[in-house]
Amino acid sequence: MKQQPSLIGSEKASNLANLSSQERLNLRETMRNTEAQEWIRRYRKKALEEGRGEAQYWWQQILLDIAKRRGQAAADDLKKRMNEQKDKK
C-alpha cells in the first residue's frame, strides 16, 4: 500500500505566510519561551545525572555555541528568558 504525500507541511507554511505581523511576533515569543523551558529541563536533567559542576560547564559550552551560531544577543536573550521562567516556578 503506497502512502499518500502529506500536505500538512505545506499547509503550515502557507498558514505561516498568512499570519499578521502581530501574530508572527506572538508566535516568535512563544517559540523563544518554549526554547527557554526546554533548556531549563535539559540543564536540570544534566545536573541530576552528572552533577551541578558538570551541568554548569556543559551549559557554558552550549551558550558559547548559541552565541557563535545566532549571535551574542540571542544567547543573552535565552539566558534572560530562562531566568524569567525559572523565577516563575
Protein backbone atom coordinates (compact mmCIF):
# COMPACT_ATOMS: atom_id res chain seq x y z
CA MET A 1 0.00 0.00 0.00
CA LYS A 2 1.50 3.29 -1.11
CA GLN A 3 1.34 6.18 1.35
CA GLN A 4 -0.13 9.46 0.16
CA PRO A 5 2.12 12.52 0.50
CA SER A 6 1.29 14.70 3.43
CA LEU A 7 0.04 18.20 2.81
CA ILE A 8 0.40 19.20 6.44
CA GLY A 9 3.86 20.73 6.00
CA SER A 10 2.82 22.86 3.03
CA GLU A 11 -0.41 23.84 4.77
CA LYS A 12 1.57 25.05 7.77
CA ALA A 13 3.91 27.02 5.55
CA SER A 14 1.05 28.74 3.78
CA ASN A 15 -0.66 29.39 7.11
CA LEU A 16 2.51 30.97 8.50
CA ALA A 17 2.73 33.17 5.42
CA ASN A 18 -0.84 34.35 6.05
CA LEU A 19 -0.23 35.41 9.66
CA SER A 20 -0.34 39.08 10.51
CA SER A 21 2.83 40.71 11.77
CA GLN A 22 1.44 40.72 15.31
CA GLU A 23 0.60 37.02 15.09
CA ARG A 24 4.13 36.29 13.85
CA LEU A 25 5.58 38.28 16.76
CA ASN A 26 3.39 36.37 19.20
CA LEU A 27 4.46 33.06 17.67
CA ARG A 28 8.13 34.06 17.87
CA GLU A 29 7.73 34.95 21.55
CA THR A 30 6.02 31.64 22.24
CA MET A 31 8.78 29.74 20.47
CA ARG A 32 11.53 31.57 22.36
CA ASN A 33 9.83 30.98 25.71
CA THR A 34 9.33 27.33 24.85
CA GLU A 35 13.01 27.04 23.95
CA ALA A 36 13.94 28.53 27.33
CA GLN A 37 11.73 26.00 29.13
CA GLU A 38 13.33 23.16 27.16
CA TRP A 39 16.88 24.28 28.05
CA ILE A 40 15.88 24.53 31.72
CA ARG A 41 14.60 20.95 31.53
CA ARG A 42 17.80 19.75 29.87
CA TYR A 43 20.01 21.57 32.37
CA ARG A 44 18.14 20.07 35.34
CA LYS A 45 18.38 16.60 33.84
CA LYS A 46 22.12 17.03 33.23
CA ALA A 47 22.61 18.28 36.82
CA LEU A 48 20.77 15.25 38.21
CA GLU A 49 22.68 12.78 36.05
CA GLU A 50 26.18 14.24 36.15
CA GLY A 51 26.24 16.79 38.95
CA ARG A 52 25.90 20.52 39.12
CA GLY A 53 29.51 21.30 38.18
CA GLU A 54 29.37 19.22 35.00
CA ALA A 55 25.99 20.70 34.12
CA GLN A 56 27.37 24.23 34.59
CA TYR A 57 30.35 23.51 32.32
CA TRP A 58 28.08 21.89 29.72
CA TRP A 59 25.73 24.88 29.81
CA GLN A 60 28.57 27.36 29.30
CA GLN A 61 29.62 25.42 26.20
CA ILE A 62 26.03 25.45 24.91
CA LEU A 63 25.82 29.22 25.40
CA LEU A 64 29.09 29.74 23.53
CA ASP A 65 27.79 27.62 20.66
CA ILE A 66 24.50 29.55 20.54
CA ALA A 67 26.41 32.85 20.55
CA LYS A 68 28.57 31.65 17.64
CA ARG A 69 25.60 30.46 15.59
CA ARG A 70 22.96 33.08 16.39
CA GLY A 71 24.93 35.94 17.93
CA GLN A 72 25.57 37.08 21.48
CA ALA A 73 22.25 38.92 21.68
CA ALA A 74 20.38 35.64 21.10
CA ALA A 75 22.40 33.87 23.81
CA ASP A 76 21.75 36.73 26.23
CA ASP A 77 18.04 36.69 25.39
CA LEU A 78 17.87 32.95 26.03
CA LYS A 79 19.58 33.34 29.43
CA LYS A 80 17.19 36.16 30.34
CA ARG A 81 14.14 34.10 29.37
CA MET A 82 15.42 31.09 31.27
CA ASN A 83 15.85 33.18 34.40
CA GLU A 84 12.35 34.61 33.98
CA GLN A 85 10.88 31.12 33.51
CA LYS A 86 12.85 29.76 36.45
CA ASP A 87 11.66 32.61 38.70
CA LYS A 88 8.00 31.95 37.77
CA LYS A 89 8.06 28.47 39.30
